[in-house]
Amino acid sequence: MGRVLLLVPVMISTAGCVQVSAPEKPIEINLNINIRQEVVVRLQQDVRDLIDKNPGVF
């Protein structure tokens, strides 16, 4: 218990001080995002035939 009481003042005296301040210039965030999406649909031959026979349905 005695060691703990001796270490407390030492730990407090060695603790650093943290300062938070606003930067002089504004923070600039550049986001260059390129989103490309490709959808490939391949129909089976029987489905193609069905679409050709009934063009008004699809």
PDB file of N, CA and C in Angstrom:
ATOM      1  N   MET A   1       0.829  -1.191   0.000  1.00  0.00           N
ATOM      2  CA  MET A   1       0.000   0.000   0.000  1.00  0.00           C
ATOM      3  C   MET A   1       0.867   1.246   0.000  1.00  0.00           C
ATOM      4  N   GLY A   2       2.005   1.169   0.702  1.00  0.00           N
ATOM      5  CA  GLY A   2       2.913   2.303   0.786  1.00  0.00           C
ATOM      6  C   GLY A   2       3.523   2.654  -0.569  1.00  0.00           C
ATOM      7  N   ARG A   3       3.830   1.617  -1.360  1.00  0.00           N
ATOM      8  CA  ARG A   3       4.394   1.858  -2.688  1.00  0.00           C
ATOM      9  C   ARG A   3       3.383   2.543  -3.593  1.00  0.00           C
ATOM     10  N   VAL A   4       2.140   2.143  -3.477  1.00  0.00           N
ATOM     11  CA  VAL A   4       1.096   2.745  -4.304  1.00  0.00           C
ATOM     12  C   VAL A   4       0.969   4.223  -3.988  1.00  0.00           C
ATOM     13  N   LEU A   5       1.017   4.565  -2.706  1.00  0.00           N
ATOM     14  CA  LEU A   5       0.906   5.973  -2.317  1.00  0.00           C
ATOM     15  C   LEU A   5       2.105   6.781  -2.806  1.00  0.00           C
ATOM     16  N   LEU A   6       3.266   6.142  -2.899  1.00  0.00           N
ATOM     17  CA  LEU A   6       4.443   6.839  -3.405  1.00  0.00           C
ATOM     18  C   LEU A   6       4.398   7.003  -4.924  1.00  0.00           C
ATOM     19  N   LEU A   7       3.800   6.048  -5.601  1.00  0.00           N
ATOM     20  CA  LEU A   7       3.751   6.102  -7.062  1.00  0.00           C
ATOM     21  C   LEU A   7       2.711   7.089  -7.585  1.00  0.00           C
ATOM     22  N   VAL A   8       1.680   7.351  -6.826  1.00  0.00           N
ATOM     23  CA  VAL A   8       0.613   8.240  -7.299  1.00  0.00           C
ATOM     24  C   VAL A   8       1.142   9.636  -7.606  1.00  0.00           C
ATOM     25  N   PRO A   9       1.889  10.296  -6.712  1.00  0.00           N
ATOM     26  CA  PRO A   9       2.402  11.640  -7.052  1.00  0.00           C
ATOM     27  C   PRO A   9       3.366  11.620  -8.238  1.00  0.00           C
ATOM     28  N   VAL A  10       4.158  10.552  -8.349  1.00  0.00           N
ATOM     29  CA  VAL A  10       5.093  10.447  -9.471  1.00  0.00           C
ATOM     30  C   VAL A  10       4.331  10.319 -10.782  1.00  0.00           C
ATOM     31  N   MET A  11       3.285   9.528 -10.789  1.00  0.00           N
ATOM     32  CA  MET A  11       2.494   9.335 -12.001  1.00  0.00           C
ATOM     33  C   MET A  11       1.771  10.620 -12.387  1.00  0.00           C
ATOM     34  N   ILE A  12       1.278  11.344 -11.416  1.00  0.00           N
ATOM     35  CA  ILE A  12       0.573  12.592 -11.702  1.00  0.00           C
ATOM     36  C   ILE A  12       1.541  13.631 -12.256  1.00  0.00           C
ATOM     37  N   SER A  13       2.746  13.693 -11.706  1.00  0.00           N
ATOM     38  CA  SER A  13       3.709  14.701 -12.158  1.00  0.00           C
ATOM     39  C   SER A  13       4.244  14.397 -13.551  1.00  0.00           C
ATOM     40  N   THR A  14       4.246  13.127 -13.966  1.00  0.00           N
ATOM     41  CA  THR A  14       4.755  12.775 -15.291  1.00  0.00           C
ATOM     42  C   THR A  14       3.662  12.744 -16.343  1.00  0.00           C
ATOM     43  N   ALA A  15       2.421  12.932 -15.947  1.00  0.00           N
ATOM     44  CA  ALA A  15       1.323  12.906 -16.917  1.00  0.00           C
ATOM     45  C   ALA A  15       1.400  14.150 -17.786  1.00  0.00           C
ATOM     46  N   GLY A  16       1.253  13.971 -19.092  1.00  0.00           N
ATOM     47  CA  GLY A  16       1.326  15.093 -20.020  1.00  0.00           C
ATOM     48  C   GLY A  16       0.004  15.830 -20.114  1.00  0.00           C
ATOM     49  N   CYS A  17       0.076  17.020 -20.656  1.00  0.00           N
ATOM     50  CA  CYS A  17      -1.116  17.838 -20.845  1.00  0.00           C
ATOM     51  C   CYS A  17      -1.489  17.777 -22.323  1.00  0.00           C
ATOM     52  N   VAL A  18      -2.737  17.514 -22.602  1.00  0.00           N
ATOM     53  CA  VAL A  18      -3.212  17.421 -23.978  1.00  0.00           C
ATOM     54  C   VAL A  18      -3.961  18.695 -24.312  1.00  0.00           C
ATOM     55  N   GLN A  19      -3.533  19.352 -25.384  1.00  0.00           N
ATOM     56  CA  GLN A  19      -4.201  20.572 -25.830  1.00  0.00           C
ATOM     57  C   GLN A  19      -4.788  20.332 -27.205  1.00  0.00           C
ATOM     58  N   VAL A  20      -6.025  20.765 -27.377  1.00  0.00           N
ATOM     59  CA  VAL A  20      -6.705  20.638 -28.658  1.00  0.00           C
ATOM     60  C   VAL A  20      -7.023  22.040 -29.140  1.00  0.00           C
ATOM     61  N   SER A  21      -6.557  22.353 -30.346  1.00  0.00           N
ATOM     62  CA  SER A  21      -6.844  23.672 -30.905  1.00  0.00           C
ATOM     63  C   SER A  21      -7.229  23.520 -32.369  1.00  0.00           C
ATOM     64  N   ALA A  22      -7.991  24.479 -32.858  1.00  0.00           N
ATOM     65  CA  ALA A  22      -8.437  24.447 -34.248  1.00  0.00           C
ATOM     66  C   ALA A  22      -7.265  24.801 -35.164  1.00  0.00           C
ATOM     67  N   PRO A  23      -7.199  24.186 -36.346  1.00  0.00           N
ATOM     68  CA  PRO A  23      -6.117  24.515 -37.272  1.00  0.00           C
ATOM     69  C   PRO A  23      -6.303  25.920 -37.854  1.00  0.00           C
ATOM     70  N   GLU A  24      -5.197  26.510 -38.312  1.00  0.00           N
ATOM     71  CA  GLU A  24      -5.265  27.845 -38.889  1.00  0.00           C
ATOM     72  C   GLU A  24      -5.992  27.837 -40.228  1.00  0.00           C
ATOM     73  N   LYS A  25      -5.749  26.817 -41.025  1.00  0.00           N
ATOM     74  CA  LYS A  25      -6.399  26.705 -42.337  1.00  0.00           C
ATOM     75  C   LYS A  25      -7.520  25.671 -42.242  1.00  0.00           C
ATOM     76  N   PRO A  26      -8.574  25.834 -43.052  1.00  0.00           N
ATOM     77  CA  PRO A  26      -9.649  24.838 -43.020  1.00  0.00           C
ATOM     78  C   PRO A  26      -9.166  23.492 -43.569  1.00  0.00           C
ATOM     79  N   ILE A  27      -9.768  22.456 -43.083  1.00  0.00           N
ATOM     80  CA  ILE A  27      -9.431  21.108 -43.534  1.00  0.00           C
ATOM     81  C   ILE A  27     -10.120  20.872 -44.872  1.00  0.00           C
ATOM     82  N   GLU A  28      -9.353  20.437 -45.860  1.00  0.00           N
ATOM     83  CA  GLU A  28      -9.890  20.194 -47.196  1.00  0.00           C
ATOM     84  C   GLU A  28      -9.798  18.703 -47.488  1.00  0.00           C
ATOM     85  N   ILE A  29     -10.924  18.131 -47.873  1.00  0.00           N
ATOM     86  CA  ILE A  29     -10.979  16.705 -48.184  1.00  0.00           C
ATOM     87  C   ILE A  29     -11.403  16.563 -49.640  1.00  0.00           C
ATOM     88  N   ASN A  30     -10.534  16.002 -50.453  1.00  0.00           N
ATOM     89  CA  ASN A  30     -10.844  15.770 -51.861  1.00  0.00           C
ATOM     90  C   ASN A  30     -11.221  14.306 -52.041  1.00  0.00           C
ATOM     91  N   LEU A  31     -12.407  14.085 -52.562  1.00  0.00           N
ATOM     92  CA  LEU A  31     -12.864  12.727 -52.832  1.00  0.00           C
ATOM     93  C   LEU A  31     -13.049  12.573 -54.335  1.00  0.00           C
ATOM     94  N   ASN A  32     -12.139  11.895 -54.948  1.00  0.00           N
ATOM     95  CA  ASN A  32     -12.256  11.606 -56.375  1.00  0.00           C
ATOM     96  C   ASN A  32     -12.737  10.165 -56.498  1.00  0.00           C
ATOM     97  N   ILE A  33     -14.027  10.027 -56.709  1.00  0.00           N
ATOM     98  CA  ILE A  33     -14.633   8.699 -56.737  1.00  0.00           C
ATOM     99  C   ILE A  33     -15.197   8.455 -58.127  1.00  0.00           C
ATOM    100  N   ASN A  34     -14.835   7.345 -58.696  1.00  0.00           N
ATOM    101  CA  ASN A  34     -15.356   6.950 -59.997  1.00  0.00           C
ATOM    102  C   ASN A  34     -16.082   5.625 -59.804  1.00  0.00           C
ATOM    103  N   ILE A  35     -17.380   5.663 -59.982  1.00  0.00           N
ATOM    104  CA  ILE A  35     -18.191   4.454 -59.808  1.00  0.00           C
ATOM    105  C   ILE A  35     -18.659   4.011 -61.187  1.00  0.00           C
ATOM    106  N   ARG A  36     -18.341   2.790 -61.519  1.00  0.00           N
ATOM    107  CA  ARG A  36     -18.745   2.244 -62.811  1.00  0.00           C
ATOM    108  C   ARG A  36     -19.384   0.890 -62.561  1.00  0.00           C
ATOM    109  N   GLN A  37     -20.537   0.739 -63.115  1.00  0.00           N
ATOM    110  CA  GLN A  37     -21.255  -0.513 -62.907  1.00  0.00           C
ATOM    111  C   GLN A  37     -21.678  -1.050 -64.260  1.00  0.00           C
ATOM    112  N   GLU A  38     -21.416  -2.303 -64.472  1.00  0.00           N
ATOM    113  CA  GLU A  38     -21.823  -2.962 -65.705  1.00  0.00           C
ATOM    114  C   GLU A  38     -22.681  -4.168 -65.349  1.00  0.00           C
ATOM    115  N   VAL A  39     -23.770  -4.275 -66.056  1.00  0.00           N
ATOM    116  CA  VAL A  39     -24.658  -5.414 -65.851  1.00  0.00           C
ATOM    117  C   VAL A  39     -24.743  -6.169 -67.170  1.00  0.00           C
ATOM    118  N   VAL A  40     -24.416  -7.437 -67.126  1.00  0.00           N
ATOM    119  CA  VAL A  40     -24.453  -8.275 -68.313  1.00  0.00           C
ATOM    120  C   VAL A  40     -25.507  -9.351 -68.095  1.00  0.00           C
ATOM    121  N   VAL A  41     -26.466  -9.370 -68.994  1.00  0.00           N
ATOM    122  CA  VAL A  41     -27.525 -10.371 -68.904  1.00  0.00           C
ATOM    123  C   VAL A  41     -27.436 -11.245 -70.150  1.00  0.00           C
ATOM    124  N   ARG A  42     -27.301 -12.520 -69.942  1.00  0.00           N
ATOM    125  CA  ARG A  42     -27.246 -13.456 -71.057  1.00  0.00           C
ATOM    126  C   ARG A  42     -28.460 -14.375 -70.961  1.00  0.00           C
ATOM    127  N   LEU A  43     -29.206 -14.389 -72.025  1.00  0.00           N
ATOM    128  CA  LEU A  43     -30.424 -15.194 -72.038  1.00  0.00           C
ATOM    129  C   LEU A  43     -30.160 -16.535 -72.714  1.00  0.00           C
ATOM    130  N   GLN A  44     -30.800 -17.534 -72.215  1.00  0.00           N
ATOM    131  CA  GLN A  44     -30.711 -18.840 -72.842  1.00  0.00           C
ATOM    132  C   GLN A  44     -31.534 -18.814 -74.125  1.00  0.00           C
ATOM    133  N   GLN A  45     -31.248 -19.748 -74.996  1.00  0.00           N
ATOM    134  CA  GLN A  45     -31.895 -19.768 -76.306  1.00  0.00           C
ATOM    135  C   GLN A  45     -33.405 -19.918 -76.187  1.00  0.00           C
ATOM    136  N   ASP A  46     -33.910 -20.728 -75.278  1.00  0.00           N
ATOM    137  CA  ASP A  46     -35.353 -20.903 -75.160  1.00  0.00           C
ATOM    138  C   ASP A  46     -36.031 -19.626 -74.675  1.00  0.00           C
ATOM    139  N   VAL A  47     -35.367 -18.869 -73.836  1.00  0.00           N
ATOM    140  CA  VAL A  47     -35.932 -17.604 -73.379  1.00  0.00           C
ATOM    141  C   VAL A  47     -35.936 -16.601 -74.524  1.00  0.00           C
ATOM    142  N   ARG A  48     -34.900 -16.600 -75.338  1.00  0.00           N
ATOM    143  CA  ARG A  48     -34.873 -15.714 -76.507  1.00  0.00           C
ATOM    144  C   ARG A  48     -36.015 -16.051 -77.460  1.00  0.00           C
ATOM    145  N   ASP A  49     -36.233 -17.335 -77.670  1.00  0.00           N
ATOM    146  CA  ASP A  49     -37.336 -17.746 -78.549  1.00  0.00           C
ATOM    147  C   ASP A  49     -38.678 -17.295 -77.982  1.00  0.00           C
ATOM    148  N   LEU A  50     -38.866 -17.405 -76.683  1.00  0.00           N
ATOM    149  CA  LEU A  50     -40.111 -16.992 -76.039  1.00  0.00           C
ATOM    150  C   LEU A  50     -40.327 -15.486 -76.200  1.00  0.00           C
ATOM    151  N   ILE A  51     -39.278 -14.725 -76.044  1.00  0.00           N
ATOM    152  CA  ILE A  51     -39.391 -13.271 -76.210  1.00  0.00           C
ATOM    153  C   ILE A  51     -39.695 -12.929 -77.664  1.00  0.00           C
ATOM    154  N   ASP A  52     -39.072 -13.637 -78.604  1.00  0.00           N
ATOM    155  CA  ASP A  52     -39.338 -13.379 -80.024  1.00  0.00           C
ATOM    156  C   ASP A  52     -40.780 -13.709 -80.385  1.00  0.00           C
ATOM    157  N   LYS A  53     -41.353 -14.749 -79.784  1.00  0.00           N
ATOM    158  CA  LYS A  53     -42.735 -15.146 -80.081  1.00  0.00           C
ATOM    159  C   LYS A  53     -43.740 -14.221 -79.416  1.00  0.00           C
ATOM    160  N   ASN A  54     -43.417 -13.647 -78.275  1.00  0.00           N
ATOM    161  CA  ASN A  54     -44.330 -12.778 -77.529  1.00  0.00           C
ATOM    162  C   ASN A  54     -43.662 -11.424 -77.221  1.00  0.00           C
ATOM    163  N   PRO A  55     -43.461 -10.593 -78.229  1.00  0.00           N
ATOM    164  CA  PRO A  55     -42.750  -9.337 -77.973  1.00  0.00           C
ATOM    165  C   PRO A  55     -43.554  -8.352 -77.124  1.00  0.00           C
ATOM    166  N   GLY A  56     -44.871  -8.443 -77.128  1.00  0.00           N
ATOM    167  CA  GLY A  56     -45.699  -7.522 -76.358  1.00  0.00           C
ATOM    168  C   GLY A  56     -45.676  -7.801 -74.864  1.00  0.00           C
ATOM    169  N   VAL A  57     -45.372  -9.011 -74.470  1.00  0.00           N
ATOM    170  CA  VAL A  57     -45.368  -9.387 -73.060  1.00  0.00           C
ATOM    171  C   VAL A  57     -44.146  -8.803 -72.357  1.00  0.00           C
ATOM    172  N   PHE A  58     -43.040  -8.775 -73.053  1.00  0.00           N
ATOM    173  CA  PHE A  58     -41.798  -8.309 -72.438  1.00  0.00           C
ATOM    174  C   PHE A  58     -41.522  -6.911 -72.894  1.00  0.00           C
TER     175      PHE A  58
END
